[in-house]
PDB file of N, CA and C in Angstrom:
ATOM      1  N   UNK A   1       0.820  -1.194   0.000  1.00  0.00           N
ATOM      2  CA  UNK A   1       0.000   0.000   0.000  1.00  0.00           C
ATOM      3  C   UNK A   1       0.863   1.256   0.000  1.00  0.00           C
ATOM      4  N   UNK A   2       1.909   1.255   0.798  1.00  0.00           N
ATOM      5  CA  UNK A   2       2.781   2.433   0.852  1.00  0.00           C
ATOM      6  C   UNK A   2       3.511   2.658  -0.467  1.00  0.00           C
ATOM      7  N   UNK A   3       3.727   1.602  -1.232  1.00  0.00           N
ATOM      8  CA  UNK A   3       4.427   1.725  -2.501  1.00  0.00           C
ATOM      9  C   UNK A   3       3.590   2.321  -3.613  1.00  0.00           C
ATOM     10  N   UNK A   4       2.274   2.427  -3.393  1.00  0.00           N
ATOM     11  CA  UNK A   4       1.414   3.060  -4.380  1.00  0.00           C
ATOM     12  C   UNK A   4       0.834   2.135  -5.431  1.00  0.00           C
ATOM     13  N   UNK A   5       1.238   0.872  -5.457  1.00  0.00           N
ATOM     14  CA  UNK A   5       0.672  -0.057  -6.428  1.00  0.00           C
ATOM     15  C   UNK A   5      -0.655  -0.617  -5.948  1.00  0.00           C
ATOM     16  N   UNK A   6      -1.346  -1.299  -6.822  1.00  0.00           N
ATOM     17  CA  UNK A   6      -2.606  -1.939  -6.450  1.00  0.00           C
ATOM     18  C   UNK A   6      -2.308  -3.191  -5.627  1.00  0.00           C
ATOM     19  N   UNK A   7      -3.040  -3.374  -4.553  1.00  0.00           N
ATOM     20  CA  UNK A   7      -2.854  -4.503  -3.658  1.00  0.00           C
ATOM     21  C   UNK A   7      -4.006  -5.475  -3.806  1.00  0.00           C
ATOM     22  N   UNK A   8      -3.698  -6.754  -3.868  1.00  0.00           N
ATOM     23  CA  UNK A   8      -4.724  -7.801  -3.855  1.00  0.00           C
ATOM     24  C   UNK A   8      -4.522  -8.610  -2.585  1.00  0.00           C
ATOM     25  N   UNK A   9      -5.569  -8.712  -1.776  1.00  0.00           N
ATOM     26  CA  UNK A   9      -5.534  -9.550  -0.576  1.00  0.00           C
ATOM     27  C   UNK A   9      -6.310 -10.820  -0.882  1.00  0.00           C
ATOM     28  N   UNK A  10      -5.651 -11.947  -0.792  1.00  0.00           N
ATOM     29  CA  UNK A  10      -6.306 -13.233  -1.009  1.00  0.00           C
ATOM     30  C   UNK A  10      -6.850 -13.728   0.325  1.00  0.00           C
ATOM     31  N   UNK A  11      -8.143 -13.896   0.384  1.00  0.00           N
ATOM     32  CA  UNK A  11      -8.803 -14.279   1.622  1.00  0.00           C
ATOM     33  C   UNK A  11      -8.945 -15.791   1.725  1.00  0.00           C
ATOM     34  N   UNK A  12      -8.828 -16.299   2.929  1.00  0.00           N
ATOM     35  CA  UNK A  12      -9.056 -17.719   3.173  1.00  0.00           C
ATOM     36  C   UNK A  12     -10.495 -17.987   3.584  1.00  0.00           C
ATOM     37  N   UNK A  13     -11.314 -16.949   3.548  1.00  0.00           N
ATOM     38  CA  UNK A  13     -12.728 -17.042   3.933  1.00  0.00           C
ATOM     39  C   UNK A  13     -13.572 -16.451   2.808  1.00  0.00           C
ATOM     40  N   UNK A  14     -14.884 -16.529   2.959  1.00  0.00           N
ATOM     41  CA  UNK A  14     -15.782 -15.928   1.984  1.00  0.00           C
ATOM     42  C   UNK A  14     -15.542 -14.424   1.905  1.00  0.00           C
ATOM     43  N   UNK A  15     -15.733 -13.854   0.733  1.00  0.00           N
ATOM     44  CA  UNK A  15     -15.455 -12.449   0.499  1.00  0.00           C
ATOM     45  C   UNK A  15     -16.339 -11.490   1.271  1.00  0.00           C
ATOM     46  N   UNK A  16     -17.402 -11.976   1.864  1.00  0.00           N
ATOM     47  CA  UNK A  16     -18.281 -11.093   2.634  1.00  0.00           C
ATOM     48  C   UNK A  16     -17.950 -11.110   4.126  1.00  0.00           C
ATOM     49  N   UNK A  17     -16.812 -11.708   4.478  1.00  0.00           N
ATOM     50  CA  UNK A  17     -16.385 -11.757   5.885  1.00  0.00           C
ATOM     51  C   UNK A  17     -15.088 -10.985   6.053  1.00  0.00           C
ATOM     52  N   UNK A  18     -14.899 -10.448   7.228  1.00  0.00           N
ATOM     53  CA  UNK A  18     -13.641  -9.802   7.583  1.00  0.00           C
ATOM     54  C   UNK A  18     -12.978 -10.702   8.611  1.00  0.00           C
ATOM     55  N   UNK A  19     -11.898 -11.359   8.177  1.00  0.00           N
ATOM     56  CA  UNK A  19     -11.208 -12.250   9.105  1.00  0.00           C
ATOM     57  C   UNK A  19      -9.713 -12.050   8.938  1.00  0.00           C
ATOM     58  N   UNK A  20      -9.029 -11.785  10.010  1.00  0.00           N
ATOM     59  CA  UNK A  20      -9.603 -11.495  11.320  1.00  0.00           C
ATOM     60  C   UNK A  20     -10.280 -10.121  11.312  1.00  0.00           C
ATOM     61  N   UNK A  21     -11.203  -9.944  12.196  1.00  0.00           N
ATOM     62  CA  UNK A  21     -11.979  -8.702  12.273  1.00  0.00           C
ATOM     63  C   UNK A  21     -11.080  -7.473  12.376  1.00  0.00           C
ATOM     64  N   UNK A  22      -9.929  -7.615  13.012  1.00  0.00           N
ATOM     65  CA  UNK A  22      -9.025  -6.470  13.168  1.00  0.00           C
ATOM     66  C   UNK A  22      -8.496  -5.967  11.819  1.00  0.00           C
ATOM     67  N   UNK A  23      -8.671  -6.728  10.742  1.00  0.00           N
ATOM     68  CA  UNK A  23      -8.217  -6.305   9.411  1.00  0.00           C
ATOM     69  C   UNK A  23      -9.273  -5.524   8.636  1.00  0.00           C
ATOM     70  N   UNK A  24     -10.412  -5.265   9.236  1.00  0.00           N
ATOM     71  CA  UNK A  24     -11.497  -4.556   8.543  1.00  0.00           C
ATOM     72  C   UNK A  24     -10.995  -3.228   7.943  1.00  0.00           C
ATOM     73  N   UNK A  25     -10.299  -2.418   8.731  1.00  0.00           N
ATOM     74  CA  UNK A  25      -9.808  -1.123   8.236  1.00  0.00           C
ATOM     75  C   UNK A  25      -8.781  -1.325   7.117  1.00  0.00           C
ATOM     76  N   UNK A  26      -7.910  -2.315   7.263  1.00  0.00           N
ATOM     77  CA  UNK A  26      -6.920  -2.605   6.227  1.00  0.00           C
ATOM     78  C   UNK A  26      -7.603  -2.975   4.916  1.00  0.00           C
ATOM     79  N   UNK A  27      -8.601  -3.850   4.976  1.00  0.00           N
ATOM     80  CA  UNK A  27      -9.315  -4.250   3.763  1.00  0.00           C
ATOM     81  C   UNK A  27     -10.007  -3.044   3.124  1.00  0.00           C
ATOM     82  N   UNK A  28     -10.560  -2.168   3.960  1.00  0.00           N
ATOM     83  CA  UNK A  28     -11.180  -0.954   3.441  1.00  0.00           C
ATOM     84  C   UNK A  28     -10.178  -0.067   2.723  1.00  0.00           C
ATOM     85  N   UNK A  29      -8.995   0.053   3.295  1.00  0.00           N
ATOM     86  CA  UNK A  29      -7.948   0.869   2.659  1.00  0.00           C
ATOM     87  C   UNK A  29      -7.510   0.258   1.334  1.00  0.00           C
ATOM     88  N   UNK A  30      -7.384  -1.055   1.289  1.00  0.00           N
ATOM     89  CA  UNK A  30      -7.019  -1.728   0.033  1.00  0.00           C
ATOM     90  C   UNK A  30      -8.036  -1.380  -1.054  1.00  0.00           C
ATOM     91  N   UNK A  31      -9.313  -1.476  -0.731  1.00  0.00           N
ATOM     92  CA  UNK A  31     -10.366  -1.183  -1.714  1.00  0.00           C
ATOM     93  C   UNK A  31     -10.389   0.297  -2.095  1.00  0.00           C
ATOM     94  N   UNK A  32     -10.227   1.170  -1.119  1.00  0.00           N
ATOM     95  CA  UNK A  32     -10.235   2.613  -1.375  1.00  0.00           C
ATOM     96  C   UNK A  32      -9.115   3.019  -2.322  1.00  0.00           C
ATOM     97  N   UNK A  33      -7.986   2.340  -2.229  1.00  0.00           N
ATOM     98  CA  UNK A  33      -6.826   2.679  -3.075  1.00  0.00           C
ATOM     99  C   UNK A  33      -6.818   1.930  -4.403  1.00  0.00           C
ATOM    100  N   UNK A  34      -7.942   1.300  -4.752  1.00  0.00           N
ATOM    101  CA  UNK A  34      -8.045   0.651  -6.057  1.00  0.00           C
ATOM    102  C   UNK A  34      -7.610  -0.800  -6.087  1.00  0.00           C
ATOM    103  N   UNK A  35      -7.382  -1.396  -4.928  1.00  0.00           N
ATOM    104  CA  UNK A  35      -7.003  -2.803  -4.866  1.00  0.00           C
ATOM    105  C   UNK A  35      -8.226  -3.701  -4.854  1.00  0.00           C
ATOM    106  N   UNK A  36      -8.011  -4.954  -4.495  1.00  0.00           N
ATOM    107  CA  UNK A  36      -9.109  -5.932  -4.523  1.00  0.00           C
ATOM    108  C   UNK A  36      -8.954  -6.946  -3.400  1.00  0.00           C
ATOM    109  N   UNK A  37     -10.088  -7.495  -3.001  1.00  0.00           N
ATOM    110  CA  UNK A  37     -10.130  -8.638  -2.097  1.00  0.00           C
ATOM    111  C   UNK A  37     -10.581  -9.819  -2.943  1.00  0.00           C
ATOM    112  N   UNK A  38      -9.814 -10.898  -2.938  1.00  0.00           N
ATOM    113  CA  UNK A  38     -10.133 -12.067  -3.755  1.00  0.00           C
ATOM    114  C   UNK A  38     -10.401 -13.271  -2.864  1.00  0.00           C
ATOM    115  N   UNK A  39     -11.464 -13.979  -3.183  1.00  0.00           N
ATOM    116  CA  UNK A  39     -11.809 -15.194  -2.450  1.00  0.00           C
ATOM    117  C   UNK A  39     -12.405 -16.200  -3.422  1.00  0.00           C
ATOM    118  N   UNK A  40     -12.072 -17.462  -3.240  1.00  0.00           N
ATOM    119  CA  UNK A  40     -12.683 -18.496  -4.062  1.00  0.00           C
ATOM    120  C   UNK A  40     -13.960 -19.036  -3.425  1.00  0.00           C
ATOM    121  N   UNK A  41     -14.314 -18.491  -2.258  1.00  0.00           N
ATOM    122  CA  UNK A  41     -15.501 -18.950  -1.533  1.00  0.00           C
ATOM    123  C   UNK A  41     -16.664 -17.997  -1.765  1.00  0.00           C
ATOM    124  N   UNK A  42     -17.832 -18.514  -2.089  1.00  0.00           N
ATOM    125  CA  UNK A  42     -18.995 -17.638  -2.312  1.00  0.00           C
ATOM    126  C   UNK A  42     -19.449 -16.985  -1.004  1.00  0.00           C
ATOM    127  N   UNK A  43     -20.145 -15.855  -1.114  1.00  0.00           N
ATOM    128  CA  UNK A  43     -20.653 -15.190   0.087  1.00  0.00           C
ATOM    129  C   UNK A  43     -21.441 -16.156   0.969  1.00  0.00           C
ATOM    130  N   UNK A  44     -21.203 -16.057   2.257  1.00  0.00           N
ATOM    131  CA  UNK A  44     -21.914 -16.886   3.222  1.00  0.00           C
ATOM    132  C   UNK A  44     -21.358 -18.288   3.405  1.00  0.00           C
ATOM    133  N   UNK A  45     -20.357 -18.659   2.599  1.00  0.00           N
ATOM    134  CA  UNK A  45     -19.813 -20.020   2.688  1.00  0.00           C
ATOM    135  C   UNK A  45     -19.074 -20.207   4.012  1.00  0.00           C
ATOM    136  N   UNK A  46     -19.216 -21.374   4.573  1.00  0.00           N
ATOM    137  CA  UNK A  46     -18.471 -21.729   5.772  1.00  0.00           C
ATOM    138  C   UNK A  46     -17.081 -22.199   5.342  1.00  0.00           C
ATOM    139  N   UNK A  47     -16.068 -21.738   6.030  1.00  0.00           N
ATOM    140  CA  UNK A  47     -14.704 -22.130   5.689  1.00  0.00           C
ATOM    141  C   UNK A  47     -14.022 -22.725   6.912  1.00  0.00           C
ATOM    142  N   UNK A  48     -12.905 -23.364   6.662  1.00  0.00           N
ATOM    143  CA  UNK A  48     -12.178 -24.068   7.711  1.00  0.00           C
ATOM    144  C   UNK A  48     -10.720 -23.629   7.695  1.00  0.00           C
ATOM    145  N   UNK A  49      -9.990 -23.948   8.748  1.00  0.00           N
ATOM    146  CA  UNK A  49      -8.600 -23.535   8.870  1.00  0.00           C
ATOM    147  C   UNK A  49      -7.732 -23.886   7.675  1.00  0.00           C
ATOM    148  N   UNK A  50      -7.944 -25.057   7.102  1.00  0.00           N
ATOM    149  CA  UNK A  50      -7.131 -25.481   5.954  1.00  0.00           C
ATOM    150  C   UNK A  50      -7.338 -24.581   4.737  1.00  0.00           C
ATOM    151  N   UNK A  51      -8.486 -23.910   4.669  1.00  0.00           N
ATOM    152  CA  UNK A  51      -8.748 -23.021   3.541  1.00  0.00           C
ATOM    153  C   UNK A  51      -7.780 -21.844   3.508  1.00  0.00           C
ATOM    154  N   UNK A  52      -7.294 -21.448   4.672  1.00  0.00           N
ATOM    155  CA  UNK A  52      -6.341 -20.341   4.723  1.00  0.00           C
ATOM    156  C   UNK A  52      -5.042 -20.741   4.042  1.00  0.00           C
ATOM    157  N   UNK A  53      -4.591 -21.952   4.262  1.00  0.00           N
ATOM    158  CA  UNK A  53      -3.350 -22.418   3.634  1.00  0.00           C
ATOM    159  C   UNK A  53      -3.556 -22.675   2.140  1.00  0.00           C
ATOM    160  N   UNK A  54      -4.722 -23.149   1.744  1.00  0.00           N
ATOM    161  CA  UNK A  54      -4.975 -23.432   0.330  1.00  0.00           C
ATOM    162  C   UNK A  54      -4.976 -22.180  -0.528  1.00  0.00           C
ATOM    163  N   UNK A  55      -5.357 -21.044   0.046  1.00  0.00           N
ATOM    164  CA  UNK A  55      -5.361 -19.810  -0.741  1.00  0.00           C
ATOM    165  C   UNK A  55      -3.956 -19.459  -1.214  1.00  0.00           C
ATOM    166  N   UNK A  56      -2.941 -20.018  -0.555  1.00  0.00           N
ATOM    167  CA  UNK A  56      -1.562 -19.703  -0.921  1.00  0.00           C
ATOM    168  C   UNK A  56      -1.224 -20.164  -2.327  1.00  0.00           C
ATOM    169  N   UNK A  57      -1.938 -21.151  -2.831  1.00  0.00           N
ATOM    170  CA  UNK A  57      -1.692 -21.591  -4.207  1.00  0.00           C
ATOM    171  C   UNK A  57      -2.098 -20.501  -5.194  1.00  0.00           C
ATOM    172  N   UNK A  58      -3.130 -19.715  -4.838  1.00  0.00           N
ATOM    173  CA  UNK A  58      -3.557 -18.612  -5.693  1.00  0.00           C
ATOM    174  C   UNK A  58      -2.518 -17.492  -5.685  1.00  0.00           C
ATOM    175  N   UNK A  59      -1.950 -17.241  -4.527  1.00  0.00           N
ATOM    176  CA  UNK A  59      -0.896 -16.234  -4.415  1.00  0.00           C
ATOM    177  C   UNK A  59       0.298 -16.647  -5.280  1.00  0.00           C
ATOM    178  N   UNK A  60       0.699 -17.902  -5.181  1.00  0.00           N
ATOM    179  CA  UNK A  60       1.837 -18.400  -5.961  1.00  0.00           C
ATOM    180  C   UNK A  60       1.543 -18.358  -7.460  1.00  0.00           C
ATOM    181  N   UNK A  61       0.323 -18.705  -7.849  1.00  0.00           N
ATOM    182  CA  UNK A  61      -0.029 -18.735  -9.272  1.00  0.00           C
ATOM    183  C   UNK A  61      -0.041 -17.336  -9.880  1.00  0.00           C
ATOM    184  N   UNK A  62      -0.301 -16.329  -9.082  1.00  0.00           N
ATOM    185  CA  UNK A  62      -0.372 -14.946  -9.560  1.00  0.00           C
ATOM    186  C   UNK A  62       1.006 -14.303  -9.686  1.00  0.00           C
ATOM    187  N   UNK A  63       2.007 -14.900  -9.086  1.00  0.00           N
ATOM    188  CA  UNK A  63       3.318 -14.256  -8.968  1.00  0.00           C
ATOM    189  C   UNK A  63       4.251 -14.556 -10.131  1.00  0.00           C
ATOM    190  N   UNK A  64       5.075 -13.568 -10.470  1.00  0.00           N
ATOM    191  CA  UNK A  64       6.200 -13.790 -11.378  1.00  0.00           C
ATOM    192  C   UNK A  64       7.361 -14.389 -10.606  1.00  0.00           C
ATOM    193  N   UNK A  65       7.467 -13.996  -9.343  1.00  0.00           N
ATOM    194  CA  UNK A  65       8.477 -14.512  -8.423  1.00  0.00           C
ATOM    195  C   UNK A  65       7.931 -14.330  -7.017  1.00  0.00           C
ATOM    196  N   UNK A  66       8.363 -15.183  -6.106  1.00  0.00           N
ATOM    197  CA  UNK A  66       7.944 -15.110  -4.714  1.00  0.00           C
ATOM    198  C   UNK A  66       9.137 -14.673  -3.880  1.00  0.00           C
ATOM    199  N   UNK A  67       8.975 -13.587  -3.127  1.00  0.00           N
ATOM    200  CA  UNK A  67      10.019 -13.100  -2.236  1.00  0.00           C
ATOM    201  C   UNK A  67       9.547 -13.283  -0.806  1.00  0.00           C
ATOM    202  N   UNK A  68      10.271 -14.090  -0.054  1.00  0.00           N
ATOM    203  CA  UNK A  68       9.923 -14.371   1.338  1.00  0.00           C
ATOM    204  C   UNK A  68      10.850 -13.560   2.229  1.00  0.00           C
ATOM    205  N   UNK A  69      10.254 -12.732   3.070  1.00  0.00           N
ATOM    206  CA  UNK A  69      11.025 -11.858   3.944  1.00  0.00           C
ATOM    207  C   UNK A  69      11.161 -12.456   5.334  1.00  0.00           C
ATOM    208  N   UNK A  70      10.161 -13.227   5.752  1.00  0.00           N
ATOM    209  CA  UNK A  70      10.166 -13.820   7.082  1.00  0.00           C
ATOM    210  C   UNK A  70       9.373 -15.116   7.016  1.00  0.00           C
ATOM    211  N   UNK A  71       9.855 -16.161   7.683  1.00  0.00           N
ATOM    212  CA  UNK A  71       9.122 -17.433   7.713  1.00  0.00           C
ATOM    213  C   UNK A  71       9.602 -18.291   8.869  1.00  0.00           C
ATOM    214  N   UNK A  72       8.646 -18.746   9.652  1.00  0.00           N
ATOM    215  CA  UNK A  72       8.956 -19.714  10.706  1.00  0.00           C
ATOM    216  C   UNK A  72       8.933 -21.108  10.089  1.00  0.00           C
ATOM    217  N   UNK A  73       9.607 -22.034  10.722  1.00  0.00           N
ATOM    218  CA  UNK A  73       9.540 -23.430  10.297  1.00  0.00           C
ATOM    219  C   UNK A  73       8.087 -23.884  10.432  1.00  0.00           C
ATOM    220  N   UNK A  74       7.567 -24.533   9.430  1.00  0.00           N
ATOM    221  CA  UNK A  74       6.196 -25.036   9.461  1.00  0.00           C
ATOM    222  C   UNK A  74       5.133 -23.987   9.170  1.00  0.00           C
ATOM    223  N   UNK A  75       5.523 -22.776   8.775  1.00  0.00           N
ATOM    224  CA  UNK A  75       4.549 -21.713   8.525  1.00  0.00           C
ATOM    225  C   UNK A  75       3.865 -21.885   7.175  1.00  0.00           C
ATOM    226  N   UNK A  76       2.757 -21.190   7.014  1.00  0.00           N
ATOM    227  CA  UNK A  76       2.047 -21.200   5.740  1.00  0.00           C
ATOM    228  C   UNK A  76       2.879 -20.630   4.610  1.00  0.00           C
ATOM    229  N   UNK A  77       3.832 -19.786   4.957  1.00  0.00           N
ATOM    230  CA  UNK A  77       4.721 -19.219   3.944  1.00  0.00           C
ATOM    231  C   UNK A  77       5.489 -20.318   3.220  1.00  0.00           C
ATOM    232  N   UNK A  78       5.876 -21.350   3.945  1.00  0.00           N
ATOM    233  CA  UNK A  78       6.587 -22.463   3.304  1.00  0.00           C
ATOM    234  C   UNK A  78       5.665 -23.217   2.351  1.00  0.00           C
ATOM    235  N   UNK A  79       4.389 -23.259   2.688  1.00  0.00           N
ATOM    236  CA  UNK A  79       3.412 -23.851   1.770  1.00  0.00           C
ATOM    237  C   UNK A  79       3.307 -23.048   0.490  1.00  0.00           C
ATOM    238  N   UNK A  80       3.331 -21.736   0.618  1.00  0.00           N
ATOM    239  CA  UNK A  80       3.303 -20.877  -0.567  1.00  0.00           C
ATOM    240  C   UNK A  80       4.537 -21.141  -1.425  1.00  0.00           C
ATOM    241  N   UNK A  81       5.689 -21.298  -0.786  1.00  0.00           N
ATOM    242  CA  UNK A  81       6.919 -21.602  -1.518  1.00  0.00           C
ATOM    243  C   UNK A  81       6.804 -22.931  -2.256  1.00  0.00           C
ATOM    244  N   UNK A  82       6.191 -23.921  -1.626  1.00  0.00           N
ATOM    245  CA  UNK A  82       6.020 -25.228  -2.271  1.00  0.00           C
ATOM    246  C   UNK A  82       5.098 -25.121  -3.484  1.00  0.00           C
ATOM    247  N   UNK A  83       3.994 -24.374  -3.348  1.00  0.00           N
ATOM    248  CA  UNK A  83       3.099 -24.171  -4.498  1.00  0.00           C
ATOM    249  C   UNK A  83       3.844 -23.457  -5.618  1.00  0.00           C
ATOM    250  N   UNK A  84       4.628 -22.432  -5.277  1.00  0.00           N
ATOM    251  CA  UNK A  84       5.390 -21.688  -6.286  1.00  0.00           C
ATOM    252  C   UNK A  84       6.349 -22.620  -7.028  1.00  0.00           C
ATOM    253  N   UNK A  85       7.059 -23.447  -6.285  1.00  0.00           N
ATOM    254  CA  UNK A  85       8.013 -24.369  -6.913  1.00  0.00           C
ATOM    255  C   UNK A  85       7.304 -25.317  -7.883  1.00  0.00           C
ATOM    256  N   UNK A  86       6.147 -25.824  -7.487  1.00  0.00           N
ATOM    257  CA  UNK A  86       5.392 -26.722  -8.376  1.00  0.00           C
ATOM    258  C   UNK A  86       4.957 -26.025  -9.656  1.00  0.00           C
ATOM    259  N   UNK A  87       4.722 -24.725  -9.564  1.00  0.00           N
ATOM    260  CA  UNK A  87       4.278 -23.955 -10.720  1.00  0.00           C
ATOM    261  C   UNK A  87       5.430 -23.363 -11.527  1.00  0.00           C
ATOM    262  N   UNK A  88       6.665 -23.592 -11.073  1.00  0.00           N
ATOM    263  CA  UNK A  88       7.822 -23.051 -11.769  1.00  0.00           C
ATOM    264  C   UNK A  88       8.063 -21.574 -11.487  1.00  0.00           C
ATOM    265  N   UNK A  89       7.496 -21.065 -10.398  1.00  0.00           N
ATOM    266  CA  UNK A  89       7.690 -19.672 -10.003  1.00  0.00           C
ATOM    267  C   UNK A  89       8.951 -19.599  -9.144  1.00  0.00           C
ATOM    268  N   UNK A  90       9.909 -18.761  -9.512  1.00  0.00           N
ATOM    269  CA  UNK A  90      11.142 -18.667  -8.715  1.00  0.00           C
ATOM    270  C   UNK A  90      10.860 -18.204  -7.284  1.00  0.00           C
ATOM    271  N   UNK A  91      11.569 -18.797  -6.327  1.00  0.00           N
ATOM    272  CA  UNK A  91      11.412 -18.463  -4.913  1.00  0.00           C
ATOM    273  C   UNK A  91      12.707 -17.834  -4.415  1.00  0.00           C
ATOM    274  N   UNK A  92      12.583 -16.631  -3.871  1.00  0.00           N
ATOM    275  CA  UNK A  92      13.716 -15.903  -3.321  1.00  0.00           C
ATOM    276  C   UNK A  92      13.444 -15.604  -1.855  1.00  0.00           C
ATOM    277  N   UNK A  93      14.521 -15.406  -1.100  1.00  0.00           N
ATOM    278  CA  UNK A  93      14.405 -15.010   0.302  1.00  0.00           C
ATOM    279  C   UNK A  93      15.236 -13.756   0.521  1.00  0.00           C
ATOM    280  N   UNK A  94      14.828 -12.991   1.527  1.00  0.00           N
ATOM    281  CA  UNK A  94      15.578 -11.787   1.884  1.00  0.00           C
ATOM    282  C   UNK A  94      16.915 -12.186   2.493  1.00  0.00           C
ATOM    283  N   UNK A  95      17.925 -11.364   2.304  1.00  0.00           N
ATOM    284  CA  UNK A  95      19.222 -11.655   2.922  1.00  0.00           C
ATOM    285  C   UNK A  95      19.122 -11.573   4.444  1.00  0.00           C
ATOM    286  N   UNK A  96      20.046 -12.218   5.112  1.00  0.00           N
ATOM    287  CA  UNK A  96      20.019 -12.321   6.577  1.00  0.00           C
ATOM    288  C   UNK A  96      19.993 -10.971   7.271  1.00  0.00           C
ATOM    289  N   UNK A  97      20.621  -9.961   6.686  1.00  0.00           N
ATOM    290  CA  UNK A  97      20.665  -8.663   7.364  1.00  0.00           C
ATOM    291  C   UNK A  97      19.299  -7.992   7.484  1.00  0.00           C
ATOM    292  N   UNK A  98      18.312  -8.487   6.776  1.00  0.00           N
ATOM    293  CA  UNK A  98      16.961  -7.948   6.897  1.00  0.00           C
ATOM    294  C   UNK A  98      16.377  -8.300   8.268  1.00  0.00           C
ATOM    295  N   UNK A  99      16.784  -9.443   8.812  1.00  0.00           N
ATOM    296  CA  UNK A  99      16.325  -9.852  10.142  1.00  0.00           C
ATOM    297  C   UNK A  99      15.003 -10.591  10.085  1.00  0.00           C
ATOM    298  N   UNK A 100      14.329 -10.667  11.232  1.00  0.00           N
ATOM    299  CA  UNK A 100      13.051 -11.370  11.306  1.00  0.00           C
ATOM    300  C   UNK A 100      13.220 -12.854  11.529  1.00  0.00           C
ATOM    301  N   UNK A 101      12.089 -13.555  11.575  1.00  0.00           N
ATOM    302  CA  UNK A 101      12.090 -15.015  11.781  1.00  0.00           C
ATOM    303  C   UNK A 101      12.661 -15.698  10.549  1.00  0.00           C
ATOM    304  N   UNK A 102      13.712 -16.462  10.735  1.00  0.00           N
ATOM    305  CA  UNK A 102      14.416 -17.033   9.590  1.00  0.00           C
ATOM    306  C   UNK A 102      14.522 -18.546   9.608  1.00  0.00           C
ATOM    307  N   UNK A 103      13.973 -19.230  10.594  1.00  0.00           N
ATOM    308  CA  UNK A 103      14.180 -20.682  10.604  1.00  0.00           C
ATOM    309  C   UNK A 103      13.562 -21.341   9.370  1.00  0.00           C
ATOM    310  N   UNK A 104      12.430 -20.844   8.898  1.00  0.00           N
ATOM    311  CA  UNK A 104      11.845 -21.369   7.664  1.00  0.00           C
ATOM    312  C   UNK A 104      12.675 -21.008   6.443  1.00  0.00           C
ATOM    313  N   UNK A 105      13.196 -19.800   6.429  1.00  0.00           N
ATOM    314  CA  UNK A 105      14.066 -19.359   5.338  1.00  0.00           C
ATOM    315  C   UNK A 105      15.334 -20.205   5.305  1.00  0.00           C
ATOM    316  N   UNK A 106      15.909 -20.440   6.470  1.00  0.00           N
ATOM    317  CA  UNK A 106      17.108 -21.273   6.538  1.00  0.00           C
ATOM    318  C   UNK A 106      16.835 -22.677   6.004  1.00  0.00           C
ATOM    319  N   UNK A 107      15.649 -23.210   6.293  1.00  0.00           N
ATOM    320  CA  UNK A 107      15.280 -24.537   5.786  1.00  0.00           C
ATOM    321  C   UNK A 107      15.201 -24.515   4.260  1.00  0.00           C
ATOM    322  N   UNK A 108      14.549 -23.486   3.704  1.00  0.00           N
ATOM    323  CA  UNK A 108      14.440 -23.379   2.240  1.00  0.00           C
ATOM    324  C   UNK A 108      15.819 -23.327   1.594  1.00  0.00           C
ATOM    325  N   UNK A 109      16.708 -22.535   2.159  1.00  0.00           N
ATOM    326  CA  UNK A 109      18.064 -22.413   1.602  1.00  0.00           C
ATOM    327  C   UNK A 109      18.837 -23.718   1.730  1.00  0.00           C
ATOM    328  N   UNK A 110      18.737 -24.365   2.881  1.00  0.00           N
ATOM    329  CA  UNK A 110      19.469 -25.618   3.117  1.00  0.00           C
ATOM    330  C   UNK A 110      19.026 -26.732   2.178  1.00  0.00           C
ATOM    331  N   UNK A 111      17.765 -26.691   1.754  1.00  0.00           N
ATOM    332  CA  UNK A 111      17.223 -27.736   0.883  1.00  0.00           C
ATOM    333  C   UNK A 111      17.167 -27.321  -0.593  1.00  0.00           C
ATOM    334  N   UNK A 112      17.806 -26.212  -0.926  1.00  0.00           N
ATOM    335  CA  UNK A 112      17.860 -25.774  -2.321  1.00  0.00           C
ATOM    336  C   UNK A 112      16.516 -25.355  -2.885  1.00  0.00           C
ATOM    337  N   UNK A 113      15.609 -24.899  -2.023  1.00  0.00           N
ATOM    338  CA  UNK A 113      14.257 -24.537  -2.451  1.00  0.00           C
ATOM    339  C   UNK A 113      14.119 -23.045  -2.744  1.00  0.00           C
ATOM    340  N   UNK A 114      15.161 -22.264  -2.474  1.00  0.00           N
ATOM    341  CA  UNK A 114      15.125 -20.820  -2.689  1.00  0.00           C
ATOM    342  C   UNK A 114      16.531 -20.287  -2.857  1.00  0.00           C
ATOM    343  N   UNK A 115      16.605 -19.079  -3.396  1.00  0.00           N
ATOM    344  CA  UNK A 115      17.876 -18.359  -3.514  1.00  0.00           C
ATOM    345  C   UNK A 115      17.726 -17.028  -2.781  1.00  0.00           C
ATOM    346  N   UNK A 116      18.839 -16.472  -2.353  1.00  0.00           N
ATOM    347  CA  UNK A 116      18.815 -15.158  -1.722  1.00  0.00           C
ATOM    348  C   UNK A 116      18.544 -14.123  -2.815  1.00  0.00           C
ATOM    349  N   UNK A 117      17.632 -13.193  -2.513  1.00  0.00           N
ATOM    350  CA  UNK A 117      17.253 -12.146  -3.454  1.00  0.00           C
ATOM    351  C   UNK A 117      18.484 -11.332  -3.867  1.00  0.00           C
ATOM    352  N   UNK A 118      18.754 -11.212  -5.159  1.00  0.00           N
ATOM    353  CA  UNK A 118      19.950 -10.503  -5.612  1.00  0.00           C
ATOM    354  C   UNK A 118      19.706  -8.995  -5.708  1.00  0.00           C
ATOM    355  N   UNK A 119      19.669  -8.338  -4.576  1.00  0.00           N
ATOM    356  CA  UNK A 119      19.397  -6.905  -4.556  1.00  0.00           C
ATOM    357  C   UNK A 119      20.678  -6.138  -4.311  1.00  0.00           C
ATOM    358  N   UNK A 120      20.609  -4.862  -4.585  1.00  0.00           N
ATOM    359  CA  UNK A 120      21.735  -4.004  -4.220  1.00  0.00           C
ATOM    360  C   UNK A 120      21.167  -2.832  -3.424  1.00  0.00           C
ATOM    361  N   UNK A 121      21.881  -2.420  -2.387  1.00  0.00           N
ATOM    362  CA  UNK A 121      21.381  -1.351  -1.523  1.00  0.00           C
ATOM    363  C   UNK A 121      21.843   0.008  -1.986  1.00  0.00           C
TER     364      UNK A 121
END
């Protein structure tokens, strides 16, 4: 949002729900700035915890490349990386100096599932 581009939020619930409720203002800002909320669930549909992780395949399918800045071991972010790899989408991770939770990132690097983002400061 701060970068000025259009933002798409992929929801793990029906598009007529705000989950978590604390994101209501964020979702409103996304829409106000010309972005979109995307859900594969029809209005009023009941959803389950696994639906949140499944939406990650849509995020991966939409990407030219996936950049992971923070990831815990066993996090949904690693699931997104797995979907990206299956789709042939390159997976990159932030360099260590960025900080944050890195045990998932370290796992991706150790198993050859990602490369460090080739940026210059």
